[in-house]
C-alpha atoms as a PDB file:
ATOM      1  CA  UNK A   1     -25.646   4.531  -7.960  1.00  0.00           C
ATOM      2  CA  UNK A   2     -26.804   7.473  -5.987  1.00  0.00           C
ATOM      3  CA  UNK A   3     -25.044   7.788  -2.631  1.00  0.00           C
ATOM      4  CA  UNK A   4     -28.453   7.386  -0.967  1.00  0.00           C
ATOM      5  CA  UNK A   5     -28.642   3.741  -2.089  1.00  0.00           C
ATOM      6  CA  UNK A   6     -25.481   2.887  -0.179  1.00  0.00           C
ATOM      7  CA  UNK A   7     -26.599   4.847   2.845  1.00  0.00           C
ATOM      8  CA  UNK A   8     -29.910   2.989   2.916  1.00  0.00           C
ATOM      9  CA  UNK A   9     -28.166  -0.365   2.421  1.00  0.00           C
ATOM     10  CA  UNK A  10     -25.840   0.378   5.342  1.00  0.00           C
ATOM     11  CA  UNK A  11     -28.820   1.225   7.552  1.00  0.00           C
ATOM     12  CA  UNK A  12     -30.580  -1.990   6.540  1.00  0.00           C
ATOM     13  CA  UNK A  13     -27.350  -3.864   7.264  1.00  0.00           C
ATOM     14  CA  UNK A  14     -27.415  -2.525  10.820  1.00  0.00           C
ATOM     15  CA  UNK A  15     -31.047  -3.560  11.205  1.00  0.00           C
ATOM     16  CA  UNK A  16     -30.224  -7.007   9.804  1.00  0.00           C
ATOM     17  CA  UNK A  17     -27.400  -7.306  12.326  1.00  0.00           C
ATOM     18  CA  UNK A  18     -29.713  -6.372  15.193  1.00  0.00           C
ATOM     19  CA  UNK A  19     -32.296  -8.891  13.966  1.00  0.00           C
ATOM     20  CA  UNK A  20     -29.591 -11.517  13.336  1.00  0.00           C
ATOM     21  CA  UNK A  21     -30.991 -11.899   9.821  1.00  0.00           C
ATOM     22  CA  UNK A  22     -28.309 -12.372   7.157  1.00  0.00           C
ATOM     23  CA  UNK A  23     -30.933 -12.740   4.424  1.00  0.00           C
ATOM     24  CA  UNK A  24     -32.101  -9.153   4.870  1.00  0.00           C
ATOM     25  CA  UNK A  25     -28.673  -7.618   4.322  1.00  0.00           C
ATOM     26  CA  UNK A  26     -27.816 -10.047   1.509  1.00  0.00           C
ATOM     27  CA  UNK A  27     -31.021  -9.309  -0.412  1.00  0.00           C
ATOM     28  CA  UNK A  28     -30.510  -5.585   0.092  1.00  0.00           C
ATOM     29  CA  UNK A  29     -27.005  -5.700  -1.356  1.00  0.00           C
ATOM     30  CA  UNK A  30     -28.128  -7.874  -4.252  1.00  0.00           C
ATOM     31  CA  UNK A  31     -30.788  -5.286  -5.191  1.00  0.00           C
ATOM     32  CA  UNK A  32     -28.157  -2.712  -6.127  1.00  0.00           C
ATOM     33  CA  UNK A  33     -25.330  -5.156  -6.902  1.00  0.00           C
ATOM     34  CA  UNK A  34     -26.756  -8.297  -8.540  1.00  0.00           C
ATOM     35  CA  UNK A  35     -23.271  -9.672  -9.289  1.00  0.00           C
ATOM     36  CA  UNK A  36     -21.525  -9.298  -5.930  1.00  0.00           C
ATOM     37  CA  UNK A  37     -17.784  -8.825  -5.792  1.00  0.00           C
ATOM     38  CA  UNK A  38     -15.560 -10.924  -3.479  1.00  0.00           C
ATOM     39  CA  UNK A  39     -15.754  -8.391  -0.655  1.00  0.00           C
ATOM     40  CA  UNK A  40     -19.562  -8.471  -0.732  1.00  0.00           C
ATOM     41  CA  UNK A  41     -19.545 -12.273  -0.883  1.00  0.00           C
ATOM     42  CA  UNK A  42     -17.210 -12.279   2.103  1.00  0.00           C
ATOM     43  CA  UNK A  43     -19.680 -10.185   4.091  1.00  0.00           C
ATOM     44  CA  UNK A  44     -22.555 -12.466   3.102  1.00  0.00           C
ATOM     45  CA  UNK A  45     -20.654 -15.603   4.138  1.00  0.00           C
ATOM     46  CA  UNK A  46     -19.452 -14.063   7.417  1.00  0.00           C
ATOM     47  CA  UNK A  47     -23.035 -13.216   8.393  1.00  0.00           C
ATOM     48  CA  UNK A  48     -24.388 -16.664   7.573  1.00  0.00           C
ATOM     49  CA  UNK A  49     -21.621 -18.296   9.603  1.00  0.00           C
ATOM     50  CA  UNK A  50     -22.000 -15.829  12.490  1.00  0.00           C
ATOM     51  CA  UNK A  51     -25.741 -16.455  12.743  1.00  0.00           C
ATOM     52  CA  UNK A  52     -25.487 -20.243  12.735  1.00  0.00           C
ATOM     53  CA  UNK A  53     -26.255 -20.931   9.080  1.00  0.00           C
ATOM     54  CA  UNK A  54     -22.895 -22.124   7.722  1.00  0.00           C
ATOM     55  CA  UNK A  55     -24.494 -24.262   5.022  1.00  0.00           C
ATOM     56  CA  UNK A  56     -25.919 -21.153   3.392  1.00  0.00           C
ATOM     57  CA  UNK A  57     -22.518 -19.474   3.525  1.00  0.00           C
ATOM     58  CA  UNK A  58     -21.108 -22.107   1.178  1.00  0.00           C
ATOM     59  CA  UNK A  59     -23.034 -20.710  -1.800  1.00  0.00           C
ATOM     60  CA  UNK A  60     -21.125 -17.438  -1.450  1.00  0.00           C
ATOM     61  CA  UNK A  61     -17.770 -19.168  -0.978  1.00  0.00           C
ATOM     62  CA  UNK A  62     -17.801 -20.943  -4.323  1.00  0.00           C
ATOM     63  CA  UNK A  63     -15.248 -20.048  -6.989  1.00  0.00           C
ATOM     64  CA  UNK A  64     -12.011 -18.082  -6.932  1.00  0.00           C
ATOM     65  CA  UNK A  65     -11.756 -14.659  -5.289  1.00  0.00           C
ATOM     66  CA  UNK A  66      -8.473 -13.513  -6.772  1.00  0.00           C
ATOM     67  CA  UNK A  67      -6.505 -11.385  -4.322  1.00  0.00           C
ATOM     68  CA  UNK A  68      -9.031 -12.250  -1.568  1.00  0.00           C
ATOM     69  CA  UNK A  69      -8.624 -16.020  -1.986  1.00  0.00           C
ATOM     70  CA  UNK A  70      -7.025 -16.496   1.413  1.00  0.00           C
ATOM     71  CA  UNK A  71     -10.028 -14.851   3.069  1.00  0.00           C
ATOM     72  CA  UNK A  72     -12.364 -17.159   1.147  1.00  0.00           C
ATOM     73  CA  UNK A  73     -10.429 -20.205   2.307  1.00  0.00           C
ATOM     74  CA  UNK A  74     -10.510 -19.034   5.926  1.00  0.00           C
ATOM     75  CA  UNK A  75     -14.278 -18.609   5.762  1.00  0.00           C
ATOM     76  CA  UNK A  76     -14.601 -22.032   4.115  1.00  0.00           C
ATOM     77  CA  UNK A  77     -12.694 -23.510   7.048  1.00  0.00           C
ATOM     78  CA  UNK A  78     -15.053 -21.803   9.505  1.00  0.00           C
ATOM     79  CA  UNK A  79     -18.093 -23.067   7.609  1.00  0.00           C
ATOM     80  CA  UNK A  80     -16.785 -26.641   7.375  1.00  0.00           C
ATOM     81  CA  UNK A  81     -15.893 -26.619  11.073  1.00  0.00           C
ATOM     82  CA  UNK A  82     -19.395 -25.437  11.962  1.00  0.00           C
ATOM     83  CA  UNK A  83     -20.893 -28.116   9.712  1.00  0.00           C
ATOM     84  CA  UNK A  84     -18.650 -30.828  11.167  1.00  0.00           C
ATOM     85  CA  UNK A  85     -17.248 -31.622   7.693  1.00  0.00           C
ATOM     86  CA  UNK A  86     -13.813 -32.731   8.871  1.00  0.00           C
ATOM     87  CA  UNK A  87     -12.560 -34.017   5.505  1.00  0.00           C
ATOM     88  CA  UNK A  88     -13.103 -30.692   3.757  1.00  0.00           C
ATOM     89  CA  UNK A  89     -11.932 -28.779   6.822  1.00  0.00           C
ATOM     90  CA  UNK A  90      -8.630 -30.667   6.787  1.00  0.00           C
ATOM     91  CA  UNK A  91      -8.124 -30.008   3.071  1.00  0.00           C
ATOM     92  CA  UNK A  92      -8.777 -26.278   3.421  1.00  0.00           C
ATOM     93  CA  UNK A  93      -6.606 -25.943   6.517  1.00  0.00           C
ATOM     94  CA  UNK A  94      -3.774 -27.764   4.740  1.00  0.00           C
ATOM     95  CA  UNK A  95      -4.128 -25.514   1.674  1.00  0.00           C
ATOM     96  CA  UNK A  96      -3.956 -22.441   3.903  1.00  0.00           C
ATOM     97  CA  UNK A  97      -0.834 -23.724   5.606  1.00  0.00           C
ATOM     98  CA  UNK A  98       0.791 -24.566   2.284  1.00  0.00           C
ATOM     99  CA  UNK A  99      -0.004 -21.042   1.075  1.00  0.00           C
ATOM    100  CA  UNK A 100       1.289 -19.146   4.117  1.00  0.00           C
ATOM    101  CA  UNK A 101       3.625 -21.465   6.004  1.00  0.00           C
ATOM    102  CA  UNK A 102       2.616 -19.641   9.180  1.00  0.00           C
ATOM    103  CA  UNK A 103       2.630 -21.111  12.671  1.00  0.00           C
ATOM    104  CA  UNK A 104      -1.048 -20.302  13.222  1.00  0.00           C
ATOM    105  CA  UNK A 105      -2.098 -21.990   9.976  1.00  0.00           C
ATOM    106  CA  UNK A 106       0.028 -25.035  10.808  1.00  0.00           C
ATOM    107  CA  UNK A 107      -1.489 -25.302  14.282  1.00  0.00           C
ATOM    108  CA  UNK A 108      -5.037 -24.950  12.888  1.00  0.00           C
ATOM    109  CA  UNK A 109      -4.329 -27.681  10.316  1.00  0.00           C
ATOM    110  CA  UNK A 110      -2.645 -29.966  12.845  1.00  0.00           C
ATOM    111  CA  UNK A 111      -5.491 -29.529  15.338  1.00  0.00           C
ATOM    112  CA  UNK A 112      -8.111 -30.816  12.888  1.00  0.00           C
ATOM    113  CA  UNK A 113      -6.070 -33.909  11.953  1.00  0.00           C
ATOM    114  CA  UNK A 114      -6.480 -37.330  13.476  1.00  0.00           C
ATOM    115  CA  UNK A 115      -3.766 -37.960  16.094  1.00  0.00           C
ATOM    116  CA  UNK A 116      -2.164 -40.603  13.863  1.00  0.00           C
ATOM    117  CA  UNK A 117      -1.687 -38.026  11.064  1.00  0.00           C
ATOM    118  CA  UNK A 118      -0.069 -35.323  13.180  1.00  0.00           C
ATOM    119  CA  UNK A 119       3.484 -36.664  13.008  1.00  0.00           C
ATOM    120  CA  UNK A 120       3.373 -36.637   9.191  1.00  0.00           C
ATOM    121  CA  UNK A 121       2.019 -33.073   9.250  1.00  0.00           C
ATOM    122  CA  UNK A 122       4.881 -32.046  11.505  1.00  0.00           C
ATOM    123  CA  UNK A 123       7.390 -33.391   8.968  1.00  0.00           C
ATOM    124  CA  UNK A 124       5.578 -31.548   6.160  1.00  0.00           C
ATOM    125  CA  UNK A 125       5.801 -28.381   8.254  1.00  0.00           C
ATOM    126  CA  UNK A 126       9.498 -28.914   8.932  1.00  0.00           C
ATOM    127  CA  UNK A 127      10.221 -29.205   5.199  1.00  0.00           C
ATOM    128  CA  UNK A 128       7.962 -26.241   4.410  1.00  0.00           C
ATOM    129  CA  UNK A 129       9.827 -24.127   6.957  1.00  0.00           C
ATOM    130  CA  UNK A 130      13.173 -24.909   5.364  1.00  0.00           C
ATOM    131  CA  UNK A 131      11.892 -23.986   1.894  1.00  0.00           C
ATOM    132  CA  UNK A 132       9.897 -20.866   2.846  1.00  0.00           C
ATOM    133  CA  UNK A 133      10.673 -17.685   0.873  1.00  0.00           C
ATOM    134  CA  UNK A 134      10.828 -15.715   4.122  1.00  0.00           C
ATOM    135  CA  UNK A 135      13.445 -17.079   6.527  1.00  0.00           C
ATOM    136  CA  UNK A 136      11.757 -15.354   9.490  1.00  0.00           C
ATOM    137  CA  UNK A 137       8.471 -17.190   8.846  1.00  0.00           C
ATOM    138  CA  UNK A 138      10.376 -20.437   8.338  1.00  0.00           C
ATOM    139  CA  UNK A 139      12.332 -19.931  11.562  1.00  0.00           C
ATOM    140  CA  UNK A 140       9.168 -19.171  13.507  1.00  0.00           C
ATOM    141  CA  UNK A 141       7.656 -22.416  12.285  1.00  0.00           C
ATOM    142  CA  UNK A 142      10.754 -24.369  13.265  1.00  0.00           C
ATOM    143  CA  UNK A 143      10.697 -22.732  16.701  1.00  0.00           C
ATOM    144  CA  UNK A 144       7.044 -23.723  17.102  1.00  0.00           C
ATOM    145  CA  UNK A 145       8.056 -27.283  16.240  1.00  0.00           C
ATOM    146  CA  UNK A 146      10.665 -27.128  19.011  1.00  0.00           C
ATOM    147  CA  UNK A 147      13.612 -27.222  16.618  1.00  0.00           C
ATOM    148  CA  UNK A 148      15.657 -24.213  17.763  1.00  0.00           C
ATOM    149  CA  UNK A 149      18.852 -25.491  16.136  1.00  0.00           C
ATOM    150  CA  UNK A 150      17.229 -25.804  12.695  1.00  0.00           C
ATOM    151  CA  UNK A 151      15.772 -22.296  13.070  1.00  0.00           C
ATOM    152  CA  UNK A 152      19.243 -20.944  13.809  1.00  0.00           C
ATOM    153  CA  UNK A 153      20.743 -22.778  10.820  1.00  0.00           C
ATOM    154  CA  UNK A 154      18.008 -21.439   8.543  1.00  0.00           C
ATOM    155  CA  UNK A 155      18.492 -17.838   9.671  1.00  0.00           C
ATOM    156  CA  UNK A 156      22.263 -17.989   9.347  1.00  0.00           C
ATOM    157  CA  UNK A 157      22.081 -19.656   5.919  1.00  0.00           C
ATOM    158  CA  UNK A 158      19.581 -17.094   4.598  1.00  0.00           C
ATOM    159  CA  UNK A 159      20.641 -13.987   6.522  1.00  0.00           C
ATOM    160  CA  UNK A 160      20.755 -11.983   3.282  1.00  0.00           C
ATOM    161  CA  UNK A 161      17.004 -12.515   2.824  1.00  0.00           C
ATOM    162  CA  UNK A 162      16.064 -11.136   6.241  1.00  0.00           C
ATOM    163  CA  UNK A 163      14.363  -7.831   5.494  1.00  0.00           C
ATOM    164  CA  UNK A 164      14.524  -6.341   8.965  1.00  0.00           C
ATOM    165  CA  UNK A 165      11.039  -4.829   8.806  1.00  0.00           C
ATOM    166  CA  UNK A 166       9.398  -7.640  10.747  1.00  0.00           C
ATOM    167  CA  UNK A 167       9.586  -6.211  14.254  1.00  0.00           C
ATOM    168  CA  UNK A 168       7.824  -9.103  15.947  1.00  0.00           C
END
């Protein structure tokens, strides 16, 4: 496409933002890109969620997004939370945690669980931490669970896998 098409679409996107109208920017993008890529779908879904229309975001969050799959799952979680769909929210939050093993994803998953299910989730997290490919991420999770001794054992046992580039 001519560069002018993208320039006009960007301007319309700004107008849509000011009007809080996700349909305007979505329709504009679809005019020059009728088969949106994952990045475009991500923008569509973000706008629908941001402007209080999470149900309409779901249409853009369907299917696999390849290398952007984690972003799709995070937006799905936001949409399900806004819709009050706790069953799907729990499933997506658990999938994110299983993918990353991060403290923040564990805490987000644990928070949406019923209190009776939290102890089981903590044990899942403890096992995930011990099996994580990155000992730093695993140790952080164990520290968040209050198990300093297990974090130390993990780091000592897998010291050869510590890359040293994680300055946090």
